[in-house]
Amino acid sequence: MPAQSTAHIAPPQDQYLLFWDGECGCCRRAVEWASNRDKTDRLSPFIIDLLRQPPMIWTLEIGYWLIARNRLFFSKTLFR
């Protein structure tokens, strides 16, 4: 029977991708806010051009509309 290694292999460091469109000022500030609080460098903001293509652009517009309509709620709950 071969000897088993007692060396512990650490799993790869968790990395979190934060997808955003790269243009929205609100999104830019949210990405900056999240990046400034990421002390472990696990967050990787990633600009994707796919969001500018239908049907993704429609989803983005609806999401932006919902956030804009509820701006006070989101500012009180998310960005303290």
C-alpha atoms as a PDB file:
ATOM      1  CA  MET A   1       0.000   0.000   0.000  1.00  0.00           C
ATOM      2  CA  PRO A   2       1.494   3.382  -0.951  1.00  0.00           C
ATOM      3  CA  ALA A   3       2.156   5.849   1.828  1.00  0.00           C
ATOM      4  CA  GLN A   4      -0.422   8.581   2.069  1.00  0.00           C
ATOM      5  CA  SER A   5       0.769  12.129   2.048  1.00  0.00           C
ATOM      6  CA  THR A   6       0.010  14.135   5.149  1.00  0.00           C
ATOM      7  CA  ALA A   7       0.514  17.423   3.331  1.00  0.00           C
ATOM      8  CA  HIS A   8      -2.642  19.500   3.260  1.00  0.00           C
ATOM      9  CA  ILE A   9      -3.493  20.948  -0.107  1.00  0.00           C
ATOM     10  CA  ALA A  10      -5.253  24.253   0.354  1.00  0.00           C
ATOM     11  CA  PRO A  11      -8.237  24.868  -1.874  1.00  0.00           C
ATOM     12  CA  PRO A  12      -7.897  27.736  -4.311  1.00  0.00           C
ATOM     13  CA  GLN A  13      -8.716  31.091  -2.849  1.00  0.00           C
ATOM     14  CA  ASP A  14     -12.346  32.003  -3.396  1.00  0.00           C
ATOM     15  CA  GLN A  15     -12.724  34.668  -6.028  1.00  0.00           C
ATOM     16  CA  TYR A  16     -15.964  36.530  -6.605  1.00  0.00           C
ATOM     17  CA  LEU A  17     -16.746  38.179  -9.909  1.00  0.00           C
ATOM     18  CA  LEU A  18     -18.815  41.335  -9.824  1.00  0.00           C
ATOM     19  CA  PHE A  19     -20.370  41.842 -13.242  1.00  0.00           C
ATOM     20  CA  TRP A  20     -21.329  45.358 -14.302  1.00  0.00           C
ATOM     21  CA  ASP A  21     -21.799  47.345 -17.477  1.00  0.00           C
ATOM     22  CA  GLY A  22     -18.968  49.828 -16.967  1.00  0.00           C
ATOM     23  CA  GLU A  23     -21.074  52.888 -17.764  1.00  0.00           C
ATOM     24  CA  CYS A  24     -23.673  53.382 -15.047  1.00  0.00           C
ATOM     25  CA  GLY A  25     -22.587  55.934 -12.445  1.00  0.00           C
ATOM     26  CA  CYS A  26     -24.616  54.238  -9.723  1.00  0.00           C
ATOM     27  CA  CYS A  27     -23.035  50.885 -10.551  1.00  0.00           C
ATOM     28  CA  ARG A  28     -19.568  52.439 -10.636  1.00  0.00           C
ATOM     29  CA  ARG A  29     -20.057  53.865  -7.144  1.00  0.00           C
ATOM     30  CA  ALA A  30     -21.400  50.521  -5.901  1.00  0.00           C
ATOM     31  CA  VAL A  31     -18.361  48.720  -7.338  1.00  0.00           C
ATOM     32  CA  GLU A  32     -16.016  51.265  -5.708  1.00  0.00           C
ATOM     33  CA  TRP A  33     -17.873  50.878  -2.400  1.00  0.00           C
ATOM     34  CA  ALA A  34     -17.610  47.083  -2.519  1.00  0.00           C
ATOM     35  CA  SER A  35     -13.963  47.140  -3.653  1.00  0.00           C
ATOM     36  CA  ASN A  36     -12.975  49.521  -0.837  1.00  0.00           C
ATOM     37  CA  ARG A  37     -14.457  47.123   1.720  1.00  0.00           C
ATOM     38  CA  ASP A  38     -12.901  43.995   0.206  1.00  0.00           C
ATOM     39  CA  LYS A  39     -10.006  43.473   2.601  1.00  0.00           C
ATOM     40  CA  THR A  40      -9.129  40.007   1.270  1.00  0.00           C
ATOM     41  CA  ASP A  41      -8.950  40.935  -2.434  1.00  0.00           C
ATOM     42  CA  ARG A  42     -11.534  38.319  -3.352  1.00  0.00           C
ATOM     43  CA  LEU A  43     -13.732  40.651  -5.372  1.00  0.00           C
ATOM     44  CA  SER A  44     -12.961  41.092  -9.056  1.00  0.00           C
ATOM     45  CA  PRO A  45     -15.067  43.715 -10.826  1.00  0.00           C
ATOM     46  CA  PHE A  46     -15.644  42.564 -14.381  1.00  0.00           C
ATOM     47  CA  ILE A  47     -17.080  44.778 -17.121  1.00  0.00           C
ATOM     48  CA  ILE A  48     -19.033  42.793 -19.653  1.00  0.00           C
ATOM     49  CA  ASP A  49     -20.168  44.010 -23.030  1.00  0.00           C
ATOM     50  CA  LEU A  50     -22.818  41.276 -23.176  1.00  0.00           C
ATOM     51  CA  LEU A  51     -25.094  43.495 -21.089  1.00  0.00           C
ATOM     52  CA  ARG A  52     -25.334  45.938 -23.978  1.00  0.00           C
ATOM     53  CA  GLN A  53     -26.967  43.324 -26.229  1.00  0.00           C
ATOM     54  CA  PRO A  54     -30.694  42.484 -26.352  1.00  0.00           C
ATOM     55  CA  PRO A  55     -32.267  40.866 -24.340  1.00  0.00           C
ATOM     56  CA  MET A  56     -29.747  41.648 -21.583  1.00  0.00           C
ATOM     57  CA  ILE A  57     -30.045  45.399 -22.127  1.00  0.00           C
ATOM     58  CA  TRP A  58     -33.797  45.136 -21.482  1.00  0.00           C
ATOM     59  CA  THR A  59     -33.177  43.315 -18.216  1.00  0.00           C
ATOM     60  CA  LEU A  60     -30.588  45.904 -17.253  1.00  0.00           C
ATOM     61  CA  GLU A  61     -33.011  48.753 -18.028  1.00  0.00           C
ATOM     62  CA  ILE A  62     -35.763  47.164 -15.911  1.00  0.00           C
ATOM     63  CA  GLY A  63     -33.293  46.613 -13.056  1.00  0.00           C
ATOM     64  CA  TYR A  64     -32.074  50.184 -13.273  1.00  0.00           C
ATOM     65  CA  TRP A  65     -35.661  51.462 -13.320  1.00  0.00           C
ATOM     66  CA  LEU A  66     -36.473  49.450 -10.167  1.00  0.00           C
ATOM     67  CA  ILE A  67     -33.376  50.733  -8.378  1.00  0.00           C
ATOM     68  CA  ALA A  68     -34.038  54.326  -9.441  1.00  0.00           C
ATOM     69  CA  ARG A  69     -37.632  54.111  -8.194  1.00  0.00           C
ATOM     70  CA  ASN A  70     -36.456  52.740  -4.832  1.00  0.00           C
ATOM     71  CA  ARG A  71     -33.238  54.741  -4.490  1.00  0.00           C
ATOM     72  CA  LEU A  72     -33.971  55.831  -0.910  1.00  0.00           C
ATOM     73  CA  PHE A  73     -34.616  52.263   0.233  1.00  0.00           C
ATOM     74  CA  PHE A  74     -31.417  50.933  -1.355  1.00  0.00           C
ATOM     75  CA  SER A  75     -29.263  53.780  -0.054  1.00  0.00           C
ATOM     76  CA  LYS A  76     -30.512  53.188   3.506  1.00  0.00           C
ATOM     77  CA  THR A  77     -30.136  49.415   3.460  1.00  0.00           C
ATOM     78  CA  LEU A  78     -27.119  48.669   1.264  1.00  0.00           C
ATOM     79  CA  PHE A  79     -24.615  51.489   1.530  1.00  0.00           C
ATOM     80  CA  ARG A  80     -24.120  52.276   5.196  1.00  0.00           C
END
